[in-house]
Amino acid sequence: MTTTTSQAYLTDADTFTDLLATPDADWSAASPCEGWSAADVVAHVVDTQRDFLAQRDADPGERPTGTPPEVWAAHDAVVRRLLGDDSFTATEYAGFFGPTTVGETLTRFYGFDLLVHQWDVARALGRDVTWDDAQMDRIDQALDGFGEHLYGEGVCRPALDVDADAPRQTRLLARMGRAA
């Protein structure tokens, strides 16, 4: 059974999947993530989720191989199977910011990660991504939740200056050190 929380993650995963279906994608193209190609960003998303799942005693199986869309599709199938297990998604653990569950972390952190890295991959592939208000609300909430850790090593680059009246997505991207 898929919970409302899990459904939010699955919606973000569907959006990521749709982007990866870009025909004739140049996976070696540079992404906005310094030193990373579009393929590297997809690998990061897969590997960080696999690491999280393994730390929660799930067996994500062998790391998928192939093109970035193939790797993502195989990984996504594993995550969807795990999200169908209510006892797994309800598993509580001591998270970085306090007590939480596997399902909450997948939705709140890894869903955020999918949205942001969707933008990174899209930019690398010469495409645009426009987040809707609900997606931007979730990104804002995640960024607020990072607190002082937002600009820590491996999270976000320092914020960029933008006009206060810039579009909301531009302000969010700037907050994460990304130029629209």
N, C-alpha and C. Protein backbone atom coordinates (compact mmCIF):
# COMPACT_ATOMS: atom_id res chain seq x y z
N MET A 1 0.85 -1.19 0.00
CA MET A 1 0.00 0.00 0.00
C MET A 1 0.89 1.24 0.00
N THR A 2 0.60 2.17 -0.88
CA THR A 2 1.38 3.39 -0.96
C THR A 2 0.71 4.47 -0.12
N THR A 3 1.47 5.06 0.79
CA THR A 3 0.94 6.11 1.65
C THR A 3 0.98 7.44 0.92
N THR A 4 0.31 8.44 1.48
CA THR A 4 0.34 9.78 0.91
C THR A 4 1.76 10.30 0.88
N THR A 5 2.51 10.03 1.93
CA THR A 5 3.90 10.46 2.00
C THR A 5 4.69 9.81 0.87
N SER A 6 4.56 8.52 0.71
CA SER A 6 5.28 7.81 -0.34
C SER A 6 4.86 8.30 -1.72
N GLN A 7 3.59 8.64 -1.88
CA GLN A 7 3.10 9.09 -3.18
C GLN A 7 3.81 10.37 -3.61
N ALA A 8 4.10 11.24 -2.67
CA ALA A 8 4.83 12.47 -3.02
C ALA A 8 6.21 12.13 -3.58
N TYR A 9 6.90 11.18 -2.97
CA TYR A 9 8.20 10.75 -3.50
C TYR A 9 8.03 10.16 -4.90
N LEU A 10 7.03 9.30 -5.07
CA LEU A 10 6.82 8.64 -6.35
C LEU A 10 6.50 9.65 -7.45
N THR A 11 5.78 10.70 -7.13
CA THR A 11 5.49 11.75 -8.10
C THR A 11 6.79 12.43 -8.53
N ASP A 12 7.66 12.72 -7.56
CA ASP A 12 8.96 13.32 -7.89
C ASP A 12 9.81 12.36 -8.72
N ALA A 13 9.75 11.08 -8.40
CA ALA A 13 10.50 10.08 -9.17
C ALA A 13 9.97 9.99 -10.60
N ASP A 14 8.66 10.09 -10.77
CA ASP A 14 8.08 10.07 -12.12
C ASP A 14 8.58 11.25 -12.94
N THR A 15 8.66 12.41 -12.32
CA THR A 15 9.14 13.61 -13.01
C THR A 15 10.59 13.43 -13.42
N PHE A 16 11.40 12.85 -12.54
CA PHE A 16 12.81 12.59 -12.84
C PHE A 16 12.92 11.59 -14.00
N THR A 17 12.10 10.55 -13.96
CA THR A 17 12.08 9.54 -15.01
C THR A 17 11.74 10.17 -16.36
N ASP A 18 10.73 11.03 -16.37
CA ASP A 18 10.33 11.69 -17.62
C ASP A 18 11.48 12.49 -18.21
N LEU A 19 12.22 13.20 -17.36
CA LEU A 19 13.35 13.98 -17.85
C LEU A 19 14.42 13.08 -18.45
N LEU A 20 14.70 11.96 -17.80
CA LEU A 20 15.76 11.08 -18.28
C LEU A 20 15.42 10.43 -19.62
N ALA A 21 14.17 10.51 -20.03
CA ALA A 21 13.76 9.96 -21.32
C ALA A 21 14.08 10.93 -22.47
N THR A 22 14.85 11.97 -22.20
CA THR A 22 15.23 12.93 -23.23
C THR A 22 15.93 12.22 -24.38
N PRO A 23 15.38 12.31 -25.58
CA PRO A 23 16.01 11.64 -26.72
C PRO A 23 17.39 12.24 -27.03
N ASP A 24 18.31 11.39 -27.44
CA ASP A 24 19.65 11.82 -27.86
C ASP A 24 20.37 12.66 -26.80
N ALA A 25 20.16 12.33 -25.55
CA ALA A 25 20.80 13.08 -24.46
C ALA A 25 22.31 12.87 -24.49
N ASP A 26 23.03 13.95 -24.24
CA ASP A 26 24.48 13.88 -24.09
C ASP A 26 24.78 13.77 -22.61
N TRP A 27 24.94 12.55 -22.13
CA TRP A 27 25.12 12.30 -20.69
C TRP A 27 26.48 12.78 -20.19
N SER A 28 27.39 13.11 -21.12
CA SER A 28 28.70 13.63 -20.71
C SER A 28 28.68 15.15 -20.56
N ALA A 29 27.56 15.80 -20.89
CA ALA A 29 27.47 17.26 -20.80
C ALA A 29 27.63 17.71 -19.35
N ALA A 30 28.30 18.84 -19.18
CA ALA A 30 28.54 19.40 -17.84
C ALA A 30 27.23 19.84 -17.21
N SER A 31 27.09 19.54 -15.93
CA SER A 31 25.92 19.97 -15.17
C SER A 31 26.28 21.21 -14.36
N PRO A 32 25.29 21.87 -13.75
CA PRO A 32 25.60 22.99 -12.86
C PRO A 32 26.36 22.56 -11.59
N CYS A 33 26.39 21.26 -11.32
CA CYS A 33 27.15 20.75 -10.16
C CYS A 33 28.61 20.67 -10.60
N GLU A 34 29.43 21.53 -10.03
CA GLU A 34 30.82 21.66 -10.45
C GLU A 34 31.53 20.32 -10.55
N GLY A 35 32.09 20.05 -11.74
CA GLY A 35 32.86 18.83 -11.97
C GLY A 35 32.03 17.60 -12.28
N TRP A 36 30.71 17.75 -12.36
CA TRP A 36 29.84 16.61 -12.61
C TRP A 36 29.14 16.74 -13.96
N SER A 37 29.09 15.63 -14.67
CA SER A 37 28.31 15.55 -15.91
C SER A 37 26.86 15.22 -15.56
N ALA A 38 26.02 15.24 -16.57
CA ALA A 38 24.63 14.83 -16.36
C ALA A 38 24.59 13.40 -15.83
N ALA A 39 25.42 12.52 -16.39
CA ALA A 39 25.48 11.12 -15.91
C ALA A 39 25.93 11.05 -14.47
N ASP A 40 26.87 11.90 -14.09
CA ASP A 40 27.35 11.90 -12.70
C ASP A 40 26.23 12.28 -11.72
N VAL A 41 25.39 13.22 -12.13
CA VAL A 41 24.29 13.64 -11.26
C VAL A 41 23.32 12.47 -11.06
N VAL A 42 22.99 11.78 -12.14
CA VAL A 42 22.09 10.62 -12.03
C VAL A 42 22.73 9.56 -11.14
N ALA A 43 24.02 9.30 -11.32
CA ALA A 43 24.72 8.31 -10.49
C ALA A 43 24.68 8.72 -9.02
N HIS A 44 24.86 10.01 -8.75
CA HIS A 44 24.79 10.52 -7.37
C HIS A 44 23.43 10.25 -6.75
N VAL A 45 22.38 10.56 -7.50
CA VAL A 45 21.02 10.34 -6.98
C VAL A 45 20.82 8.86 -6.65
N VAL A 46 21.20 7.98 -7.56
CA VAL A 46 21.04 6.54 -7.35
C VAL A 46 21.90 6.07 -6.17
N ASP A 47 23.16 6.46 -6.16
CA ASP A 47 24.08 5.96 -5.14
C ASP A 47 23.73 6.45 -3.74
N THR A 48 23.31 7.71 -3.61
CA THR A 48 22.95 8.19 -2.26
C THR A 48 21.69 7.50 -1.76
N GLN A 49 20.73 7.26 -2.64
CA GLN A 49 19.53 6.54 -2.22
C GLN A 49 19.86 5.10 -1.86
N ARG A 50 20.69 4.46 -2.66
CA ARG A 50 21.07 3.06 -2.37
C ARG A 50 21.79 2.98 -1.01
N ASP A 51 22.66 3.94 -0.74
CA ASP A 51 23.38 3.96 0.53
C ASP A 51 22.39 4.12 1.69
N PHE A 52 21.45 5.04 1.54
CA PHE A 52 20.44 5.24 2.58
C PHE A 52 19.64 3.97 2.82
N LEU A 53 19.19 3.34 1.75
CA LEU A 53 18.39 2.12 1.88
C LEU A 53 19.19 1.00 2.55
N ALA A 54 20.44 0.84 2.17
CA ALA A 54 21.28 -0.19 2.77
C ALA A 54 21.49 0.09 4.27
N GLN A 55 21.63 1.35 4.63
CA GLN A 55 21.78 1.71 6.05
C GLN A 55 20.52 1.42 6.85
N ARG A 56 19.40 1.30 6.16
CA ARG A 56 18.12 0.99 6.83
C ARG A 56 17.81 -0.50 6.71
N ASP A 57 18.82 -1.30 6.41
CA ASP A 57 18.71 -2.76 6.31
C ASP A 57 17.86 -3.26 5.15
N ALA A 58 17.70 -2.44 4.13
CA ALA A 58 17.04 -2.90 2.90
C ALA A 58 18.13 -3.45 1.99
N ASP A 59 17.75 -4.36 1.13
CA ASP A 59 18.70 -4.91 0.18
C ASP A 59 18.38 -4.35 -1.20
N PRO A 60 19.13 -3.31 -1.63
CA PRO A 60 18.85 -2.75 -2.95
C PRO A 60 19.41 -3.60 -4.09
N GLY A 61 20.05 -4.73 -3.79
CA GLY A 61 20.60 -5.60 -4.82
C GLY A 61 21.87 -5.02 -5.42
N GLU A 62 22.29 -5.63 -6.51
CA GLU A 62 23.48 -5.15 -7.20
C GLU A 62 23.21 -3.77 -7.79
N ARG A 63 24.24 -2.94 -7.81
CA ARG A 63 24.06 -1.62 -8.41
C ARG A 63 23.79 -1.80 -9.90
N PRO A 64 22.73 -1.17 -10.40
CA PRO A 64 22.41 -1.31 -11.81
C PRO A 64 23.52 -0.72 -12.70
N THR A 65 23.60 -1.25 -13.89
CA THR A 65 24.55 -0.74 -14.87
C THR A 65 23.79 -0.39 -16.14
N GLY A 66 24.46 0.35 -17.01
CA GLY A 66 23.86 0.75 -18.29
C GLY A 66 23.89 2.25 -18.44
N THR A 67 23.03 2.75 -19.29
CA THR A 67 22.92 4.19 -19.51
C THR A 67 22.28 4.82 -18.27
N PRO A 68 22.43 6.12 -18.07
CA PRO A 68 21.77 6.74 -16.92
C PRO A 68 20.27 6.44 -16.83
N PRO A 69 19.50 6.49 -17.93
CA PRO A 69 18.07 6.14 -17.80
C PRO A 69 17.86 4.67 -17.39
N GLU A 70 18.71 3.77 -17.86
CA GLU A 70 18.59 2.35 -17.49
C GLU A 70 18.94 2.14 -16.02
N VAL A 71 19.99 2.80 -15.57
CA VAL A 71 20.39 2.69 -14.16
C VAL A 71 19.28 3.23 -13.27
N TRP A 72 18.76 4.40 -13.63
CA TRP A 72 17.69 4.99 -12.84
C TRP A 72 16.45 4.09 -12.83
N ALA A 73 16.05 3.58 -13.98
CA ALA A 73 14.84 2.75 -14.06
C ALA A 73 14.96 1.51 -13.17
N ALA A 74 16.12 0.87 -13.20
CA ALA A 74 16.31 -0.32 -12.36
C ALA A 74 16.28 0.05 -10.89
N HIS A 75 16.93 1.14 -10.54
CA HIS A 75 16.94 1.59 -9.13
C HIS A 75 15.53 2.00 -8.70
N ASP A 76 14.85 2.75 -9.55
CA ASP A 76 13.50 3.22 -9.24
C ASP A 76 12.56 2.04 -8.97
N ALA A 77 12.71 0.96 -9.71
CA ALA A 77 11.87 -0.23 -9.48
C ALA A 77 12.10 -0.79 -8.08
N VAL A 78 13.34 -0.78 -7.62
CA VAL A 78 13.65 -1.27 -6.27
C VAL A 78 13.00 -0.36 -5.22
N VAL A 79 13.14 0.94 -5.38
CA VAL A 79 12.57 1.88 -4.42
C VAL A 79 11.05 1.73 -4.38
N ARG A 80 10.43 1.60 -5.53
CA ARG A 80 8.97 1.45 -5.58
C ARG A 80 8.53 0.17 -4.85
N ARG A 81 9.30 -0.89 -5.03
CA ARG A 81 8.98 -2.14 -4.32
C ARG A 81 9.08 -1.93 -2.81
N LEU A 82 10.13 -1.27 -2.38
CA LEU A 82 10.32 -1.02 -0.95
C LEU A 82 9.24 -0.10 -0.38
N LEU A 83 8.84 0.89 -1.16
CA LEU A 83 7.79 1.80 -0.70
C LEU A 83 6.43 1.10 -0.58
N GLY A 84 6.28 -0.02 -1.22
CA GLY A 84 5.05 -0.80 -1.10
C GLY A 84 4.97 -1.58 0.20
N ASP A 85 6.05 -1.59 0.97
CA ASP A 85 6.11 -2.30 2.25
C ASP A 85 5.92 -1.29 3.37
N ASP A 86 4.68 -1.21 3.88
CA ASP A 86 4.37 -0.23 4.92
C ASP A 86 5.25 -0.38 6.16
N SER A 87 5.61 -1.60 6.50
CA SER A 87 6.46 -1.76 7.69
C SER A 87 7.84 -1.17 7.46
N PHE A 88 8.33 -1.24 6.22
CA PHE A 88 9.63 -0.65 5.92
C PHE A 88 9.54 0.87 5.96
N THR A 89 8.55 1.46 5.29
CA THR A 89 8.46 2.92 5.25
C THR A 89 8.19 3.50 6.64
N ALA A 90 7.55 2.73 7.51
CA ALA A 90 7.27 3.21 8.87
C ALA A 90 8.44 2.98 9.83
N THR A 91 9.50 2.35 9.37
CA THR A 91 10.66 2.10 10.22
C THR A 91 11.22 3.41 10.75
N GLU A 92 11.30 3.50 12.07
CA GLU A 92 11.82 4.71 12.70
C GLU A 92 13.32 4.58 12.90
N TYR A 93 13.99 5.71 12.87
CA TYR A 93 15.42 5.74 13.15
C TYR A 93 15.79 7.16 13.58
N ALA A 94 16.97 7.30 14.15
CA ALA A 94 17.46 8.60 14.60
C ALA A 94 18.13 9.28 13.41
N GLY A 95 17.43 10.20 12.80
CA GLY A 95 17.96 10.92 11.65
C GLY A 95 18.87 12.06 12.06
N PHE A 96 19.50 12.67 11.10
CA PHE A 96 20.43 13.77 11.34
C PHE A 96 19.75 14.92 12.08
N PHE A 97 18.46 15.15 11.80
CA PHE A 97 17.72 16.24 12.43
C PHE A 97 16.72 15.75 13.47
N GLY A 98 16.87 14.53 13.94
CA GLY A 98 15.99 13.98 14.97
C GLY A 98 15.27 12.74 14.49
N PRO A 99 14.38 12.20 15.33
CA PRO A 99 13.66 10.97 14.99
C PRO A 99 12.81 11.15 13.73
N THR A 100 12.82 10.12 12.89
CA THR A 100 12.05 10.17 11.64
C THR A 100 11.78 8.75 11.18
N THR A 101 11.18 8.61 10.02
CA THR A 101 10.93 7.29 9.44
C THR A 101 11.58 7.22 8.05
N VAL A 102 11.72 6.01 7.56
CA VAL A 102 12.27 5.81 6.22
C VAL A 102 11.40 6.54 5.19
N GLY A 103 10.09 6.38 5.28
CA GLY A 103 9.19 7.02 4.32
C GLY A 103 9.30 8.53 4.34
N GLU A 104 9.38 9.11 5.54
CA GLU A 104 9.51 10.56 5.65
C GLU A 104 10.82 11.04 5.03
N THR A 105 11.89 10.30 5.25
CA THR A 105 13.19 10.70 4.70
C THR A 105 13.18 10.59 3.18
N LEU A 106 12.62 9.52 2.66
CA LEU A 106 12.54 9.38 1.20
C LEU A 106 11.77 10.55 0.60
N THR A 107 10.68 10.91 1.22
CA THR A 107 9.85 11.98 0.68
C THR A 107 10.48 13.35 0.90
N ARG A 108 10.85 13.64 2.13
CA ARG A 108 11.29 15.00 2.44
C ARG A 108 12.70 15.30 1.96
N PHE A 109 13.63 14.38 2.12
CA PHE A 109 14.99 14.66 1.66
C PHE A 109 15.22 14.17 0.24
N TYR A 110 14.94 12.90 -0.01
CA TYR A 110 15.25 12.36 -1.34
C TYR A 110 14.30 12.87 -2.41
N GLY A 111 13.08 13.23 -2.05
CA GLY A 111 12.18 13.89 -3.00
C GLY A 111 12.72 15.26 -3.36
N PHE A 112 13.16 16.02 -2.35
CA PHE A 112 13.82 17.31 -2.57
C PHE A 112 15.02 17.13 -3.49
N ASP A 113 15.83 16.12 -3.20
CA ASP A 113 17.03 15.84 -3.98
C ASP A 113 16.67 15.56 -5.45
N LEU A 114 15.60 14.81 -5.67
CA LEU A 114 15.16 14.53 -7.04
C LEU A 114 14.75 15.81 -7.77
N LEU A 115 14.03 16.68 -7.09
CA LEU A 115 13.59 17.92 -7.73
C LEU A 115 14.77 18.81 -8.10
N VAL A 116 15.70 18.98 -7.17
CA VAL A 116 16.84 19.85 -7.42
C VAL A 116 17.74 19.25 -8.50
N HIS A 117 18.02 17.96 -8.40
CA HIS A 117 18.89 17.35 -9.39
C HIS A 117 18.19 17.16 -10.73
N GLN A 118 16.88 17.15 -10.74
CA GLN A 118 16.15 17.17 -12.01
C GLN A 118 16.51 18.45 -12.75
N TRP A 119 16.54 19.56 -12.03
CA TRP A 119 16.91 20.83 -12.64
C TRP A 119 18.35 20.77 -13.14
N ASP A 120 19.26 20.21 -12.34
CA ASP A 120 20.67 20.10 -12.73
C ASP A 120 20.83 19.28 -14.01
N VAL A 121 20.16 18.14 -14.07
CA VAL A 121 20.26 17.28 -15.25
C VAL A 121 19.64 17.99 -16.46
N ALA A 122 18.51 18.61 -16.26
CA ALA A 122 17.85 19.32 -17.36
C ALA A 122 18.76 20.39 -17.94
N ARG A 123 19.40 21.15 -17.07
CA ARG A 123 20.31 22.19 -17.56
C ARG A 123 21.45 21.58 -18.36
N ALA A 124 21.98 20.47 -17.88
CA ALA A 124 23.07 19.80 -18.60
C ALA A 124 22.61 19.33 -19.97
N LEU A 125 21.36 18.94 -20.07
CA LEU A 125 20.82 18.42 -21.33
C LEU A 125 20.20 19.52 -22.20
N GLY A 126 20.35 20.78 -21.77
CA GLY A 126 19.82 21.89 -22.56
C GLY A 126 18.32 22.05 -22.46
N ARG A 127 17.75 21.57 -21.37
CA ARG A 127 16.30 21.67 -21.18
C ARG A 127 16.00 22.55 -19.99
N ASP A 128 14.77 23.00 -19.91
CA ASP A 128 14.32 23.80 -18.78
C ASP A 128 13.37 22.98 -17.92
N VAL A 129 13.37 23.28 -16.65
CA VAL A 129 12.43 22.68 -15.71
C VAL A 129 11.75 23.84 -14.98
N THR A 130 10.44 23.76 -14.91
CA THR A 130 9.68 24.74 -14.14
C THR A 130 8.96 24.00 -13.03
N TRP A 131 9.31 24.33 -11.81
CA TRP A 131 8.65 23.70 -10.67
C TRP A 131 7.30 24.36 -10.43
N ASP A 132 6.32 23.56 -10.01
CA ASP A 132 5.03 24.12 -9.65
C ASP A 132 5.09 24.60 -8.19
N ASP A 133 4.01 25.24 -7.75
CA ASP A 133 4.01 25.81 -6.39
C ASP A 133 4.21 24.74 -5.32
N ALA A 134 3.60 23.59 -5.49
CA ALA A 134 3.75 22.52 -4.48
C ALA A 134 5.19 22.04 -4.42
N GLN A 135 5.83 21.91 -5.57
CA GLN A 135 7.23 21.49 -5.58
C GLN A 135 8.10 22.56 -4.92
N MET A 136 7.85 23.82 -5.24
CA MET A 136 8.64 24.89 -4.63
C MET A 136 8.38 24.97 -3.13
N ASP A 137 7.16 24.68 -2.70
CA ASP A 137 6.88 24.63 -1.25
C ASP A 137 7.73 23.56 -0.58
N ARG A 138 7.82 22.38 -1.21
CA ARG A 138 8.61 21.29 -0.62
C ARG A 138 10.10 21.63 -0.62
N ILE A 139 10.57 22.29 -1.68
CA ILE A 139 11.97 22.69 -1.72
C ILE A 139 12.24 23.72 -0.63
N ASP A 140 11.38 24.72 -0.51
CA ASP A 140 11.53 25.73 0.55
C ASP A 140 11.58 25.08 1.92
N GLN A 141 10.66 24.16 2.16
CA GLN A 141 10.58 23.48 3.46
C GLN A 141 11.87 22.70 3.73
N ALA A 142 12.37 22.02 2.71
CA ALA A 142 13.61 21.26 2.88
C ALA A 142 14.78 22.18 3.17
N LEU A 143 14.87 23.27 2.43
CA LEU A 143 15.97 24.22 2.64
C LEU A 143 15.91 24.81 4.04
N ASP A 144 14.71 25.17 4.49
CA ASP A 144 14.55 25.69 5.85
C ASP A 144 15.00 24.65 6.87
N GLY A 145 14.68 23.38 6.61
CA GLY A 145 15.01 22.30 7.53
C GLY A 145 16.51 22.05 7.67
N PHE A 146 17.29 22.41 6.66
CA PHE A 146 18.74 22.24 6.74
C PHE A 146 19.37 23.18 7.76
N GLY A 147 18.72 24.33 7.99
CA GLY A 147 19.28 25.30 8.92
C GLY A 147 20.70 25.67 8.54
N GLU A 148 21.57 25.72 9.52
CA GLU A 148 22.97 26.12 9.30
C GLU A 148 23.74 25.14 8.42
N HIS A 149 23.20 23.94 8.23
CA HIS A 149 23.88 22.92 7.44
C HIS A 149 23.67 23.08 5.93
N LEU A 150 22.79 23.99 5.53
CA LEU A 150 22.48 24.16 4.12
C LEU A 150 23.73 24.40 3.28
N TYR A 151 24.67 25.16 3.83
CA TYR A 151 25.86 25.49 3.06
C TYR A 151 27.08 24.70 3.52
N GLY A 152 26.83 23.56 4.14
CA GLY A 152 27.91 22.68 4.55
C GLY A 152 28.48 21.94 3.35
N GLU A 153 29.61 21.30 3.58
CA GLU A 153 30.30 20.53 2.53
C GLU A 153 29.34 19.52 1.89
N GLY A 154 29.24 19.58 0.56
CA GLY A 154 28.43 18.62 -0.17
C GLY A 154 26.95 18.89 -0.19
N VAL A 155 26.50 20.02 0.38
CA VAL A 155 25.06 20.32 0.35
C VAL A 155 24.82 21.36 -0.74
N CYS A 156 24.88 22.63 -0.40
CA CYS A 156 24.67 23.69 -1.40
C CYS A 156 25.84 24.67 -1.39
N ARG A 157 26.07 25.25 -2.55
CA ARG A 157 27.06 26.32 -2.62
C ARG A 157 26.46 27.56 -1.97
N PRO A 158 27.28 28.53 -1.64
CA PRO A 158 26.74 29.76 -1.04
C PRO A 158 25.67 30.39 -1.92
N ALA A 159 24.72 31.03 -1.26
CA ALA A 159 23.61 31.67 -1.97
C ALA A 159 24.13 32.76 -2.90
N LEU A 160 23.41 32.95 -3.99
CA LEU A 160 23.70 34.02 -4.95
C LEU A 160 22.74 35.17 -4.70
N ASP A 161 23.17 36.36 -5.03
CA ASP A 161 22.30 37.53 -4.89
C ASP A 161 21.35 37.60 -6.08
N VAL A 162 20.08 37.78 -5.79
CA VAL A 162 19.07 38.02 -6.83
C VAL A 162 18.10 39.07 -6.30
N ASP A 163 17.41 39.73 -7.21
CA ASP A 163 16.43 40.72 -6.81
C ASP A 163 15.31 40.07 -6.01
N ALA A 164 14.82 40.78 -5.01
CA ALA A 164 13.74 40.26 -4.17
C ALA A 164 12.47 40.01 -4.98
N ASP A 165 12.32 40.70 -6.10
CA ASP A 165 11.12 40.51 -6.92
C ASP A 165 11.34 39.52 -8.07
N ALA A 166 12.48 38.81 -8.05
CA ALA A 166 12.74 37.77 -9.06
C ALA A 166 11.71 36.66 -8.88
N PRO A 167 11.43 35.91 -9.94
CA PRO A 167 10.49 34.79 -9.81
C PRO A 167 10.92 33.84 -8.68
N ARG A 168 9.95 33.22 -8.07
CA ARG A 168 10.21 32.35 -6.92
C ARG A 168 11.23 31.27 -7.24
N GLN A 169 11.11 30.62 -8.39
CA GLN A 169 12.05 29.56 -8.73
C GLN A 169 13.48 30.12 -8.83
N THR A 170 13.63 31.29 -9.40
CA THR A 170 14.95 31.92 -9.49
C THR A 170 15.51 32.18 -8.10
N ARG A 171 14.66 32.64 -7.18
CA ARG A 171 15.12 32.89 -5.80
C ARG A 171 15.51 31.60 -5.10
N LEU A 172 14.74 30.52 -5.34
CA LEU A 172 15.10 29.23 -4.73
C LEU A 172 16.43 28.72 -5.28
N LEU A 173 16.59 28.80 -6.58
CA LEU A 173 17.84 28.35 -7.18
C LEU A 173 19.02 29.16 -6.63
N ALA A 174 18.85 30.46 -6.52
CA ALA A 174 19.91 31.32 -5.97
C ALA A 174 20.21 30.95 -4.53
N ARG A 175 19.19 30.62 -3.78
CA ARG A 175 19.38 30.22 -2.39
C ARG A 175 20.27 28.97 -2.31
N MET A 176 20.19 28.12 -3.35
CA MET A 176 20.99 26.90 -3.40
C MET A 176 22.30 27.10 -4.17
N GLY A 177 22.64 28.35 -4.49
CA GLY A 177 23.89 28.63 -5.19
C GLY A 177 23.86 28.30 -6.66
N ARG A 178 22.66 28.25 -7.23
CA ARG A 178 22.49 27.94 -8.65
C ARG A 178 21.94 29.15 -9.38
N ALA A 179 22.53 29.47 -10.53
CA ALA A 179 22.07 30.59 -11.33
C ALA A 179 21.00 30.09 -12.30
N ALA A 180 19.89 30.78 -12.32
CA ALA A 180 18.78 30.39 -13.20
C ALA A 180 19.13 30.63 -14.65
